[in-house]
Protein backbone atom coordinates (compact mmCIF):
# COMPACT_ATOMS: atom_id res chain seq x y z
CA MET A 1 0.00 0.00 0.00
CA THR A 2 1.33 3.38 -0.97
CA ILE A 3 0.98 6.69 0.83
CA LYS A 4 -1.43 7.69 -1.94
CA ASP A 5 -3.61 4.66 -1.07
CA ILE A 6 -3.54 5.64 2.59
CA ILE A 7 -4.53 9.22 1.73
CA SER A 8 -7.44 7.80 -0.30
CA THR A 9 -8.53 5.83 2.79
CA LEU A 10 -8.41 9.00 4.87
CA GLU A 11 -10.58 10.78 2.31
CA GLU A 12 -13.06 7.88 2.14
CA GLU A 13 -13.36 7.88 5.92
CA GLY A 14 -13.69 11.68 6.12
CA ILE A 15 -10.50 12.07 8.15
CA ASN A 16 -8.67 15.37 7.82
CA LEU A 17 -4.89 15.24 7.49
CA GLU A 18 -2.77 18.02 8.98
CA TRP A 19 0.99 18.56 9.02
CA LEU A 20 2.37 20.32 12.08
CA ASN A 21 5.62 20.69 13.95
CA LEU A 22 5.13 18.21 16.81
CA LYS A 23 7.75 18.26 19.52
CA ASN A 24 7.51 14.73 20.97
CA PHE A 25 5.34 12.74 18.58
CA SER A 26 5.52 11.45 15.03
CA GLY A 27 1.74 11.68 14.77
CA LEU A 28 -1.55 12.06 16.59
CA TYR A 29 -5.14 11.02 16.04
CA ILE A 30 -7.65 13.43 17.52
CA ARG A 31 -11.37 14.09 17.30
CA ILE A 32 -12.66 17.65 17.61
CA ASP A 33 -16.36 18.46 17.26
CA ASN A 34 -17.03 15.07 15.60
CA GLN A 35 -14.25 15.65 13.08
CA ASP A 36 -11.51 13.00 12.93
CA ILE A 37 -8.04 14.45 12.35
CA ILE A 38 -4.67 12.80 11.89
CA ILE A 39 -1.73 15.08 12.49
CA ILE A 40 1.65 14.13 11.09
CA ASN A 41 4.89 15.67 12.31
CA ASN A 42 6.28 17.71 9.45
CA LYS A 43 9.80 16.82 10.62
CA LEU A 44 9.42 13.21 9.44
CA LYS A 45 12.08 12.66 6.78
CA THR A 46 11.26 9.48 4.89
CA PHE A 47 8.21 8.07 3.13
CA ARG A 48 8.56 5.00 5.35
CA GLU A 49 8.29 7.10 8.53
CA ILE A 50 5.27 8.92 7.13
CA LYS A 51 3.60 5.70 5.97
CA VAL A 52 4.08 3.87 9.27
CA THR A 53 2.87 6.88 11.24
CA LEU A 54 -0.23 7.27 9.06
CA ILE A 55 -1.03 3.57 9.45
CA HIS A 56 -0.51 3.70 13.22
CA GLU A 57 -2.81 6.69 13.57
CA LEU A 58 -5.40 4.95 11.36
CA GLY A 59 -5.09 2.09 13.85
CA HIS A 60 -6.32 4.44 16.58
CA TYR A 61 -9.21 5.50 14.34
CA PHE A 62 -10.30 1.99 13.31
CA THR A 63 -9.96 0.54 16.82
CA GLY A 64 -11.62 3.52 18.50
CA THR A 65 -8.65 3.99 20.80
CA ILE A 66 -8.51 7.67 21.55
CA TYR A 67 -7.27 9.13 24.80
CA SER A 68 -6.04 12.31 26.42
CA PHE A 69 -2.64 12.57 27.99
CA ASN A 70 -4.06 13.11 31.48
CA MET A 71 -5.60 9.61 31.53
CA ASN A 72 -3.91 6.85 33.51
CA LYS A 73 -0.91 5.15 31.97
CA SER A 74 -2.56 1.72 31.97
CA TYR A 75 -5.41 2.96 29.76
CA ILE A 76 -3.02 4.78 27.42
CA ASP A 77 -0.86 1.64 27.13
CA LYS A 78 -3.94 -0.43 26.20
CA CYS A 79 -4.90 2.10 23.51
CA GLU A 80 -1.38 2.09 22.09
CA TYR A 81 -1.28 -1.72 22.16
CA LYS A 82 -4.52 -1.95 20.16
CA ALA A 83 -3.28 0.60 17.60
CA LEU A 84 0.08 -1.17 17.28
CA LYS A 85 -1.62 -4.54 16.87
CA TRP A 86 -3.86 -3.12 14.13
CA GLU A 87 -0.83 -1.52 12.49
CA SER A 88 1.15 -4.76 12.49
CA MET A 89 -1.78 -6.75 11.10
CA PHE A 90 -2.20 -4.13 8.40
CA LEU A 91 1.49 -4.14 7.50
CA MET A 92 1.84 -7.93 7.79
CA PRO A 93 -1.44 -9.65 6.87
CA LYS A 94 -1.69 -13.23 8.14
CA GLU A 95 -2.04 -14.66 4.65
CA GLU A 96 1.14 -12.93 3.50
CA ILE A 97 3.03 -14.24 6.53
CA LYS A 98 1.75 -17.79 5.85
CA LYS A 99 2.88 -17.56 2.21
CA ALA A 100 6.32 -16.32 3.25
CA ILE A 101 6.72 -19.16 5.76
CA LYS A 102 5.68 -21.81 3.21
CA LYS A 103 8.28 -20.54 0.72
CA GLU A 104 11.12 -21.28 3.13
């Protein structure tokens, strides 16, 4: 999947994409007034960094894992785990992994 494909998914889902100078994050998924927004750090240098960050933030959107930074660490960790799990399944679909294993 290319960045263009990911941008198409954002458009289909009605998610706004913003580029900002983020100090401590590569990206954020937020919801303001029922508008979903993914913010990407404009300091990211490579297409790979941008792609992985977009996919991770989509993971928060598709799993419904949104939080504020004043929530307890346990809840935040669970949200991040769900988004990371979604990201890894997106980047490495089970069928592709099975095919790769069978080839060896």
